[in-house]
């Protein structure tokens, strides 16, 4: 995943209200964020897989960061 896609991912995460992100079940979290990203840019299958893996592995960090 290149730097621009990573910035977009974090931008999308930070645009979501923290209370909404925290309430999203883990199984839906990745799908929810990816849908928002794909509404802005077209991702290849490899990019989708990379973002899915990143989001799954960083969910705890994401929740910590948005909750302050």
PDB file of N, CA and C in Angstrom:
ATOM      1  N   UNK A   1       0.848  -1.166   0.000  1.00  0.00           N
ATOM      2  CA  UNK A   1       0.000   0.000   0.000  1.00  0.00           C
ATOM      3  C   UNK A   1       0.899   1.236   0.000  1.00  0.00           C
ATOM      4  N   UNK A   2       0.615   2.152  -0.898  1.00  0.00           N
ATOM      5  CA  UNK A   2       1.462   3.343  -0.988  1.00  0.00           C
ATOM      6  C   UNK A   2       1.013   4.400   0.025  1.00  0.00           C
ATOM      7  N   UNK A   3       1.832   5.419   0.159  1.00  0.00           N
ATOM      8  CA  UNK A   3       1.602   6.451   1.170  1.00  0.00           C
ATOM      9  C   UNK A   3       0.287   7.204   0.953  1.00  0.00           C
ATOM     10  N   UNK A   4      -0.080   7.447  -0.281  1.00  0.00           N
ATOM     11  CA  UNK A   4      -1.326   8.194  -0.530  1.00  0.00           C
ATOM     12  C   UNK A   4      -2.540   7.380  -0.094  1.00  0.00           C
ATOM     13  N   UNK A   5      -2.516   6.087  -0.309  1.00  0.00           N
ATOM     14  CA  UNK A   5      -3.632   5.231   0.126  1.00  0.00           C
ATOM     15  C   UNK A   5      -3.675   5.135   1.652  1.00  0.00           C
ATOM     16  N   UNK A   6      -2.524   5.098   2.270  1.00  0.00           N
ATOM     17  CA  UNK A   6      -2.466   5.050   3.725  1.00  0.00           C
ATOM     18  C   UNK A   6      -3.004   6.354   4.329  1.00  0.00           C
ATOM     19  N   UNK A   7      -2.647   7.480   3.725  1.00  0.00           N
ATOM     20  CA  UNK A   7      -3.175   8.776   4.186  1.00  0.00           C
ATOM     21  C   UNK A   7      -4.695   8.830   4.011  1.00  0.00           C
ATOM     22  N   UNK A   8      -5.180   8.321   2.884  1.00  0.00           N
ATOM     23  CA  UNK A   8      -6.620   8.290   2.638  1.00  0.00           C
ATOM     24  C   UNK A   8      -7.322   7.421   3.682  1.00  0.00           C
ATOM     25  N   UNK A   9      -6.754   6.280   3.979  1.00  0.00           N
ATOM     26  CA  UNK A   9      -7.327   5.388   4.977  1.00  0.00           C
ATOM     27  C   UNK A   9      -7.473   6.093   6.316  1.00  0.00           C
ATOM     28  N   UNK A  10      -6.405   6.740   6.767  1.00  0.00           N
ATOM     29  CA  UNK A  10      -6.446   7.443   8.056  1.00  0.00           C
ATOM     30  C   UNK A  10      -7.375   8.647   7.996  1.00  0.00           C
ATOM     31  N   UNK A  11      -7.451   9.300   6.868  1.00  0.00           N
ATOM     32  CA  UNK A  11      -8.372  10.422   6.712  1.00  0.00           C
ATOM     33  C   UNK A  11      -9.819   9.952   6.892  1.00  0.00           C
ATOM     34  N   UNK A  12     -10.151   8.845   6.267  1.00  0.00           N
ATOM     35  CA  UNK A  12     -11.498   8.276   6.385  1.00  0.00           C
ATOM     36  C   UNK A  12     -11.775   7.877   7.828  1.00  0.00           C
ATOM     37  N   UNK A  13     -10.826   7.226   8.465  1.00  0.00           N
ATOM     38  CA  UNK A  13     -10.992   6.823   9.864  1.00  0.00           C
ATOM     39  C   UNK A  13     -11.266   8.042  10.732  1.00  0.00           C
ATOM     40  N   UNK A  14     -10.497   9.088  10.558  1.00  0.00           N
ATOM     41  CA  UNK A  14     -10.621  10.270  11.412  1.00  0.00           C
ATOM     42  C   UNK A  14     -11.868  11.097  11.122  1.00  0.00           C
ATOM     43  N   UNK A  15     -12.458  10.929   9.951  1.00  0.00           N
ATOM     44  CA  UNK A  15     -13.690  11.640   9.614  1.00  0.00           C
ATOM     45  C   UNK A  15     -14.907  11.028  10.305  1.00  0.00           C
ATOM     46  N   UNK A  16     -14.785   9.791  10.727  1.00  0.00           N
ATOM     47  CA  UNK A  16     -15.885   9.109  11.401  1.00  0.00           C
ATOM     48  C   UNK A  16     -15.925   9.522  12.865  1.00  0.00           C
ATOM     49  N   UNK A  17     -17.113   9.768  13.394  1.00  0.00           N
ATOM     50  CA  UNK A  17     -17.204  10.098  14.823  1.00  0.00           C
ATOM     51  C   UNK A  17     -16.666   8.936  15.667  1.00  0.00           C
ATOM     52  N   UNK A  18     -15.833   9.231  16.653  1.00  0.00           N
ATOM     53  CA  UNK A  18     -15.232   8.172  17.465  1.00  0.00           C
ATOM     54  C   UNK A  18     -16.243   7.214  18.078  1.00  0.00           C
ATOM     55  N   UNK A  19     -17.374   7.746  18.526  1.00  0.00           N
ATOM     56  CA  UNK A  19     -18.370   6.870  19.140  1.00  0.00           C
ATOM     57  C   UNK A  19     -18.964   5.880  18.141  1.00  0.00           C
ATOM     58  N   UNK A  20     -19.065   6.283  16.872  1.00  0.00           N
ATOM     59  CA  UNK A  20     -19.563   5.362  15.847  1.00  0.00           C
ATOM     60  C   UNK A  20     -18.555   4.255  15.562  1.00  0.00           C
ATOM     61  N   UNK A  21     -17.294   4.632  15.428  1.00  0.00           N
ATOM     62  CA  UNK A  21     -16.244   3.635  15.154  1.00  0.00           C
ATOM     63  C   UNK A  21     -16.163   2.637  16.305  1.00  0.00           C
ATOM     64  N   UNK A  22     -16.239   3.122  17.524  1.00  0.00           N
ATOM     65  CA  UNK A  22     -16.113   2.244  18.690  1.00  0.00           C
ATOM     66  C   UNK A  22     -17.271   1.256  18.780  1.00  0.00           C
ATOM     67  N   UNK A  23     -18.433   1.634  18.266  1.00  0.00           N
ATOM     68  CA  UNK A  23     -19.614   0.770  18.344  1.00  0.00           C
ATOM     69  C   UNK A  23     -19.684  -0.265  17.225  1.00  0.00           C
ATOM     70  N   UNK A  24     -18.910  -0.075  16.183  1.00  0.00           N
ATOM     71  CA  UNK A  24     -18.972  -0.985  15.046  1.00  0.00           C
ATOM     72  C   UNK A  24     -18.366  -2.331  15.446  1.00  0.00           C
ATOM     73  N   UNK A  25     -19.103  -3.416  15.248  1.00  0.00           N
ATOM     74  CA  UNK A  25     -18.526  -4.736  15.544  1.00  0.00           C
ATOM     75  C   UNK A  25     -17.272  -4.981  14.701  1.00  0.00           C
ATOM     76  N   UNK A  26     -16.347  -5.701  15.270  1.00  0.00           N
ATOM     77  CA  UNK A  26     -15.062  -5.952  14.593  1.00  0.00           C
ATOM     78  C   UNK A  26     -15.259  -6.523  13.193  1.00  0.00           C
ATOM     79  N   UNK A  27     -16.213  -7.420  13.023  1.00  0.00           N
ATOM     80  CA  UNK A  27     -16.446  -8.051  11.724  1.00  0.00           C
ATOM     81  C   UNK A  27     -16.899  -7.041  10.663  1.00  0.00           C
ATOM     82  N   UNK A  28     -17.556  -5.975  11.084  1.00  0.00           N
ATOM     83  CA  UNK A  28     -18.063  -4.978  10.138  1.00  0.00           C
ATOM     84  C   UNK A  28     -17.132  -3.782  10.002  1.00  0.00           C
ATOM     85  N   UNK A  29     -16.232  -3.605  10.939  1.00  0.00           N
ATOM     86  CA  UNK A  29     -15.328  -2.457  10.960  1.00  0.00           C
ATOM     87  C   UNK A  29     -14.560  -2.303   9.644  1.00  0.00           C
ATOM     88  N   UNK A  30     -13.911  -3.369   9.207  1.00  0.00           N
ATOM     89  CA  UNK A  30     -13.100  -3.324   7.985  1.00  0.00           C
ATOM     90  C   UNK A  30     -13.974  -2.993   6.787  1.00  0.00           C
ATOM     91  N   UNK A  31     -15.105  -3.643   6.675  1.00  0.00           N
ATOM     92  CA  UNK A  31     -16.017  -3.401   5.556  1.00  0.00           C
ATOM     93  C   UNK A  31     -16.497  -1.961   5.544  1.00  0.00           C
ATOM     94  N   UNK A  32     -16.840  -1.455   6.701  1.00  0.00           N
ATOM     95  CA  UNK A  32     -17.341  -0.081   6.827  1.00  0.00           C
ATOM     96  C   UNK A  32     -16.303   0.933   6.314  1.00  0.00           C
ATOM     97  N   UNK A  33     -15.072   0.793   6.752  1.00  0.00           N
ATOM     98  CA  UNK A  33     -14.019   1.728   6.338  1.00  0.00           C
ATOM     99  C   UNK A  33     -13.698   1.545   4.850  1.00  0.00           C
ATOM    100  N   UNK A  34     -13.597   0.311   4.399  1.00  0.00           N
ATOM    101  CA  UNK A  34     -13.279   0.073   2.984  1.00  0.00           C
ATOM    102  C   UNK A  34     -14.346   0.635   2.050  1.00  0.00           C
ATOM    103  N   UNK A  35     -15.608   0.526   2.424  1.00  0.00           N
ATOM    104  CA  UNK A  35     -16.679   1.084   1.595  1.00  0.00           C
ATOM    105  C   UNK A  35     -16.521   2.594   1.444  1.00  0.00           C
ATOM    106  N   UNK A  36     -16.147   3.252   2.523  1.00  0.00           N
ATOM    107  CA  UNK A  36     -15.952   4.700   2.460  1.00  0.00           C
ATOM    108  C   UNK A  36     -14.755   5.059   1.587  1.00  0.00           C
ATOM    109  N   UNK A  37     -13.710   4.269   1.659  1.00  0.00           N
ATOM    110  CA  UNK A  37     -12.532   4.518   0.829  1.00  0.00           C
ATOM    111  C   UNK A  37     -12.867   4.296  -0.641  1.00  0.00           C
ATOM    112  N   UNK A  38     -13.566   3.215  -0.919  1.00  0.00           N
ATOM    113  CA  UNK A  38     -13.889   2.892  -2.309  1.00  0.00           C
ATOM    114  C   UNK A  38     -14.903   3.859  -2.914  1.00  0.00           C
ATOM    115  N   UNK A  39     -15.598   4.596  -2.090  1.00  0.00           N
ATOM    116  CA  UNK A  39     -16.487   5.637  -2.606  1.00  0.00           C
ATOM    117  C   UNK A  39     -15.671   6.808  -3.169  1.00  0.00           C
ATOM    118  N   UNK A  40     -14.413   6.885  -2.771  1.00  0.00           N
ATOM    119  CA  UNK A  40     -13.542   7.989  -3.213  1.00  0.00           C
ATOM    120  C   UNK A  40     -12.560   7.579  -4.298  1.00  0.00           C
ATOM    121  N   UNK A  41     -12.024   6.364  -4.191  1.00  0.00           N
ATOM    122  CA  UNK A  41     -11.035   5.898  -5.161  1.00  0.00           C
ATOM    123  C   UNK A  41     -11.318   4.444  -5.529  1.00  0.00           C
ATOM    124  N   UNK A  42     -10.864   4.067  -6.684  1.00  0.00           N
ATOM    125  CA  UNK A  42     -10.983   2.683  -7.129  1.00  0.00           C
ATOM    126  C   UNK A  42      -9.739   1.927  -6.660  1.00  0.00           C
ATOM    127  N   UNK A  43      -9.966   0.846  -5.922  1.00  0.00           N
ATOM    128  CA  UNK A  43      -8.853   0.054  -5.406  1.00  0.00           C
ATOM    129  C   UNK A  43      -8.733  -1.253  -6.184  1.00  0.00           C
ATOM    130  N   UNK A  44      -7.513  -1.645  -6.452  1.00  0.00           N
ATOM    131  CA  UNK A  44      -7.285  -2.950  -7.058  1.00  0.00           C
ATOM    132  C   UNK A  44      -7.527  -4.021  -5.998  1.00  0.00           C
ATOM    133  N   UNK A  45      -7.610  -5.251  -6.420  1.00  0.00           N
ATOM    134  CA  UNK A  45      -7.803  -6.359  -5.478  1.00  0.00           C
ATOM    135  C   UNK A  45      -6.645  -6.429  -4.480  1.00  0.00           C
ATOM    136  N   UNK A  46      -5.434  -6.203  -4.961  1.00  0.00           N
ATOM    137  CA  UNK A  46      -4.264  -6.213  -4.072  1.00  0.00           C
ATOM    138  C   UNK A  46      -4.337  -5.087  -3.042  1.00  0.00           C
ATOM    139  N   UNK A  47      -4.767  -3.907  -3.475  1.00  0.00           N
ATOM    140  CA  UNK A  47      -4.901  -2.773  -2.549  1.00  0.00           C
ATOM    141  C   UNK A  47      -5.993  -3.039  -1.516  1.00  0.00           C
ATOM    142  N   UNK A  48      -7.087  -3.641  -1.955  1.00  0.00           N
ATOM    143  CA  UNK A  48      -8.157  -3.988  -1.017  1.00  0.00           C
ATOM    144  C   UNK A  48      -7.654  -4.969   0.035  1.00  0.00           C
ATOM    145  N   UNK A  49      -6.936  -5.982  -0.411  1.00  0.00           N
ATOM    146  CA  UNK A  49      -6.399  -6.977   0.516  1.00  0.00           C
ATOM    147  C   UNK A  49      -5.414  -6.342   1.493  1.00  0.00           C
ATOM    148  N   UNK A  50      -4.568  -5.448   0.989  1.00  0.00           N
ATOM    149  CA  UNK A  50      -3.590  -4.783   1.849  1.00  0.00           C
ATOM    150  C   UNK A  50      -4.296  -3.919   2.893  1.00  0.00           C
ATOM    151  N   UNK A  51      -5.332  -3.203   2.474  1.00  0.00           N
ATOM    152  CA  UNK A  51      -6.069  -2.358   3.416  1.00  0.00           C
ATOM    153  C   UNK A  51      -6.822  -3.203   4.437  1.00  0.00           C
ATOM    154  N   UNK A  52      -7.400  -4.299   3.997  1.00  0.00           N
ATOM    155  CA  UNK A  52      -8.094  -5.193   4.925  1.00  0.00           C
ATOM    156  C   UNK A  52      -7.126  -5.708   5.986  1.00  0.00           C
ATOM    157  N   UNK A  53      -5.979  -6.162   5.556  1.00  0.00           N
ATOM    158  CA  UNK A  53      -4.979  -6.675   6.502  1.00  0.00           C
ATOM    159  C   UNK A  53      -4.528  -5.585   7.460  1.00  0.00           C
ATOM    160  N   UNK A  54      -4.289  -4.394   6.924  1.00  0.00           N
ATOM    161  CA  UNK A  54      -3.852  -3.274   7.756  1.00  0.00           C
ATOM    162  C   UNK A  54      -4.915  -2.932   8.794  1.00  0.00           C
ATOM    163  N   UNK A  55      -6.160  -2.800   8.350  1.00  0.00           N
ATOM    164  CA  UNK A  55      -7.240  -2.441   9.264  1.00  0.00           C
ATOM    165  C   UNK A  55      -7.446  -3.496  10.346  1.00  0.00           C
ATOM    166  N   UNK A  56      -7.368  -4.756   9.970  1.00  0.00           N
ATOM    167  CA  UNK A  56      -7.522  -5.831  10.954  1.00  0.00           C
ATOM    168  C   UNK A  56      -6.406  -5.784  11.988  1.00  0.00           C
ATOM    169  N   UNK A  57      -5.198  -5.543  11.528  1.00  0.00           N
ATOM    170  CA  UNK A  57      -4.059  -5.556  12.450  1.00  0.00           C
ATOM    171  C   UNK A  57      -3.961  -4.281  13.297  1.00  0.00           C
ATOM    172  N   UNK A  58      -4.532  -3.194  12.817  1.00  0.00           N
ATOM    173  CA  UNK A  58      -4.412  -1.896  13.502  1.00  0.00           C
ATOM    174  C   UNK A  58      -5.702  -1.439  14.172  1.00  0.00           C
ATOM    175  N   UNK A  59      -6.710  -2.291  14.236  1.00  0.00           N
ATOM    176  CA  UNK A  59      -7.990  -1.872  14.815  1.00  0.00           C
ATOM    177  C   UNK A  59      -7.817  -1.357  16.248  1.00  0.00           C
ATOM    178  N   UNK A  60      -7.053  -2.048  17.054  1.00  0.00           N
ATOM    179  CA  UNK A  60      -6.821  -1.610  18.431  1.00  0.00           C
ATOM    180  C   UNK A  60      -6.176  -0.240  18.484  1.00  0.00           C
ATOM    181  N   UNK A  61      -5.169  -0.014  17.653  1.00  0.00           N
ATOM    182  CA  UNK A  61      -4.499   1.287  17.583  1.00  0.00           C
ATOM    183  C   UNK A  61      -5.467   2.367  17.130  1.00  0.00           C
ATOM    184  N   UNK A  62      -6.272   2.056  16.136  1.00  0.00           N
ATOM    185  CA  UNK A  62      -7.238   3.017  15.623  1.00  0.00           C
ATOM    186  C   UNK A  62      -8.218   3.410  16.727  1.00  0.00           C
ATOM    187  N   UNK A  63      -8.736   2.428  17.444  1.00  0.00           N
ATOM    188  CA  UNK A  63      -9.684   2.719  18.522  1.00  0.00           C
ATOM    189  C   UNK A  63      -9.021   3.556  19.626  1.00  0.00           C
ATOM    190  N   UNK A  64      -7.794   3.229  19.972  1.00  0.00           N
ATOM    191  CA  UNK A  64      -7.067   4.005  20.984  1.00  0.00           C
ATOM    192  C   UNK A  64      -6.886   5.454  20.547  1.00  0.00           C
ATOM    193  N   UNK A  65      -6.520   5.642  19.286  1.00  0.00           N
ATOM    194  CA  UNK A  65      -6.245   6.999  18.793  1.00  0.00           C
ATOM    195  C   UNK A  65      -7.498   7.850  18.730  1.00  0.00           C
ATOM    196  N   UNK A  66      -8.603   7.277  18.253  1.00  0.00           N
ATOM    197  CA  UNK A  66      -9.804   8.101  18.088  1.00  0.00           C
ATOM    198  C   UNK A  66     -10.506   8.363  19.399  1.00  0.00           C
ATOM    199  N   UNK A  67     -10.260   7.535  20.403  1.00  0.00           N
ATOM    200  CA  UNK A  67     -10.899   7.735  21.684  1.00  0.00           C
ATOM    201  C   UNK A  67     -10.069   8.613  22.617  1.00  0.00           C
ATOM    202  N   UNK A  68      -8.907   8.988  22.134  1.00  0.00           N
ATOM    203  CA  UNK A  68      -8.129   9.976  22.846  1.00  0.00           C
ATOM    204  C   UNK A  68      -7.144   9.465  23.811  1.00  0.00           C
TER     205      UNK A  68
END
